[in-house]
Amino acid sequence: MAAIDANKEVRRAVDTGEVVFGQREAEKSLLKGEAQLLIISGNTPQLVKEKLQAQAGVAGIPVYEFKGTGLELGSVCGKPFGILSMTILKPGKSSVLELGKAKA
């Protein structure tokens, strides 16, 4: 299978699935076990990144580290603000969950 275009699949998940943005919302969805994938931008502060990755590890949820900044991730999602972390609750018509499998 060809390499997955991360930007396209993240945008498709935002448009057709169910996602939540932000650290607090990510923590809630990880603790409740609702998340299927955690996406962290490249410029997330190290302490926040480690905390979210630890919570995802305990919950057994894959983590994908977006290569760009939070502003770039926000742009990919079609939002006028930066996004340091987001969780995919339902992928919709996207193949975004494959990003977590590729990393694992």
Protein backbone atom coordinates (compact mmCIF):
# COMPACT_ATOMS: atom_id res chain seq x y z
CA MET A 1 0.00 0.00 0.00
CA ALA A 2 1.21 3.51 -0.77
CA ALA A 3 2.32 5.79 2.04
CA ILE A 4 -0.53 7.50 3.81
CA ASP A 5 -0.82 11.27 3.40
CA ALA A 6 -1.09 12.27 7.06
CA ASN A 7 -2.41 15.78 6.36
CA LYS A 8 -5.19 14.51 4.09
CA GLU A 9 -6.27 11.77 6.50
CA VAL A 10 -6.26 14.09 9.54
CA ARG A 11 -8.43 16.59 7.64
CA ARG A 12 -10.79 13.82 6.50
CA ALA A 13 -11.13 12.64 10.12
CA VAL A 14 -11.97 16.19 11.24
CA ASP A 15 -14.57 16.54 8.47
CA THR A 16 -16.25 13.11 8.65
CA GLY A 17 -15.38 11.68 12.07
CA GLU A 18 -15.32 12.82 15.65
CA VAL A 19 -12.24 14.52 17.10
CA VAL A 20 -11.44 16.66 20.13
CA PHE A 21 -8.77 19.36 20.31
CA GLY A 22 -6.56 20.41 23.20
CA GLN A 23 -4.64 18.91 26.08
CA ARG A 24 -7.51 18.80 28.60
CA GLU A 25 -9.91 17.19 26.15
CA ALA A 26 -7.20 14.72 25.11
CA GLU A 27 -6.59 13.77 28.74
CA LYS A 28 -10.32 13.26 29.34
CA SER A 29 -10.78 11.05 26.29
CA LEU A 30 -7.66 9.03 27.15
CA LEU A 31 -8.81 8.46 30.74
CA LYS A 32 -12.30 7.46 29.63
CA GLY A 33 -10.88 5.13 26.96
CA GLU A 34 -12.81 6.88 24.19
CA ALA A 35 -9.78 7.83 22.09
CA GLN A 36 -8.56 5.67 19.23
CA LEU A 37 -5.50 7.77 18.34
CA LEU A 38 -3.61 10.65 19.96
CA ILE A 39 -1.95 13.19 17.65
CA ILE A 40 0.70 15.53 19.10
CA SER A 41 2.27 18.39 17.14
CA GLY A 42 6.02 18.71 16.86
CA ASN A 43 6.29 21.84 19.02
CA THR A 44 4.29 20.57 21.99
CA PRO A 45 6.19 21.33 25.23
CA GLN A 46 8.20 18.28 26.33
CA LEU A 47 6.47 17.97 29.72
CA VAL A 48 2.99 17.99 28.14
CA LYS A 49 4.11 15.56 25.42
CA GLU A 50 5.50 13.10 27.98
CA LYS A 51 2.37 13.32 30.13
CA LEU A 52 0.03 12.63 27.19
CA GLN A 53 2.23 9.83 25.86
CA ALA A 54 2.30 8.19 29.30
CA GLN A 55 -1.49 8.37 29.59
CA ALA A 56 -1.88 6.96 26.08
CA GLY A 57 0.55 4.16 26.91
CA VAL A 58 -1.42 3.17 30.00
CA ALA A 59 -4.65 3.20 27.98
CA GLY A 60 -3.03 1.26 25.11
CA ILE A 61 -3.79 4.01 22.60
CA PRO A 62 -1.33 4.69 19.75
CA VAL A 63 0.36 8.08 19.46
CA TYR A 64 1.23 9.85 16.20
CA GLU A 65 3.68 12.75 16.31
CA PHE A 66 2.74 15.31 13.66
CA LYS A 67 5.90 16.63 12.00
CA GLY A 68 4.78 20.27 11.81
CA THR A 69 3.98 22.91 14.40
CA GLY A 70 0.70 23.43 16.21
CA LEU A 71 -0.22 26.21 13.77
CA GLU A 72 0.37 23.87 10.84
CA LEU A 73 -1.77 21.16 12.47
CA GLY A 74 -4.50 23.74 13.06
CA SER A 75 -4.30 24.74 9.41
CA VAL A 76 -4.55 21.11 8.29
CA CYS A 77 -7.66 20.75 10.45
CA GLY A 78 -9.15 23.92 8.97
CA LYS A 79 -9.04 25.81 12.26
CA PRO A 80 -7.87 29.43 12.72
CA PHE A 81 -5.78 28.51 15.78
CA GLY A 82 -2.90 26.26 16.72
CA ILE A 83 -3.51 22.71 17.91
CA LEU A 84 -0.84 21.09 20.06
CA SER A 85 -2.76 17.88 20.69
CA MET A 86 -5.90 16.21 19.44
CA THR A 87 -7.53 12.83 19.78
CA ILE A 88 -9.48 10.84 17.24
CA LEU A 89 -12.65 9.44 18.80
CA LYS A 90 -14.16 8.16 15.54
CA PRO A 91 -12.17 8.17 12.29
CA GLY A 92 -15.16 8.63 10.01
CA LYS A 93 -14.24 7.95 6.38
CA SER A 94 -10.52 8.49 6.97
CA SER A 95 -7.63 6.05 7.32
CA VAL A 96 -6.09 8.16 10.08
CA LEU A 97 -5.82 5.20 12.47
CA GLU A 98 -3.22 3.72 10.11
CA LEU A 99 -0.86 6.52 11.23
CA GLY A 100 -0.77 5.02 14.72
CA LYS A 101 -0.15 1.53 13.37
CA ALA A 102 2.68 2.70 11.13
CA LYS A 103 4.45 4.23 14.13
CA ALA A 104 3.94 1.23 16.42
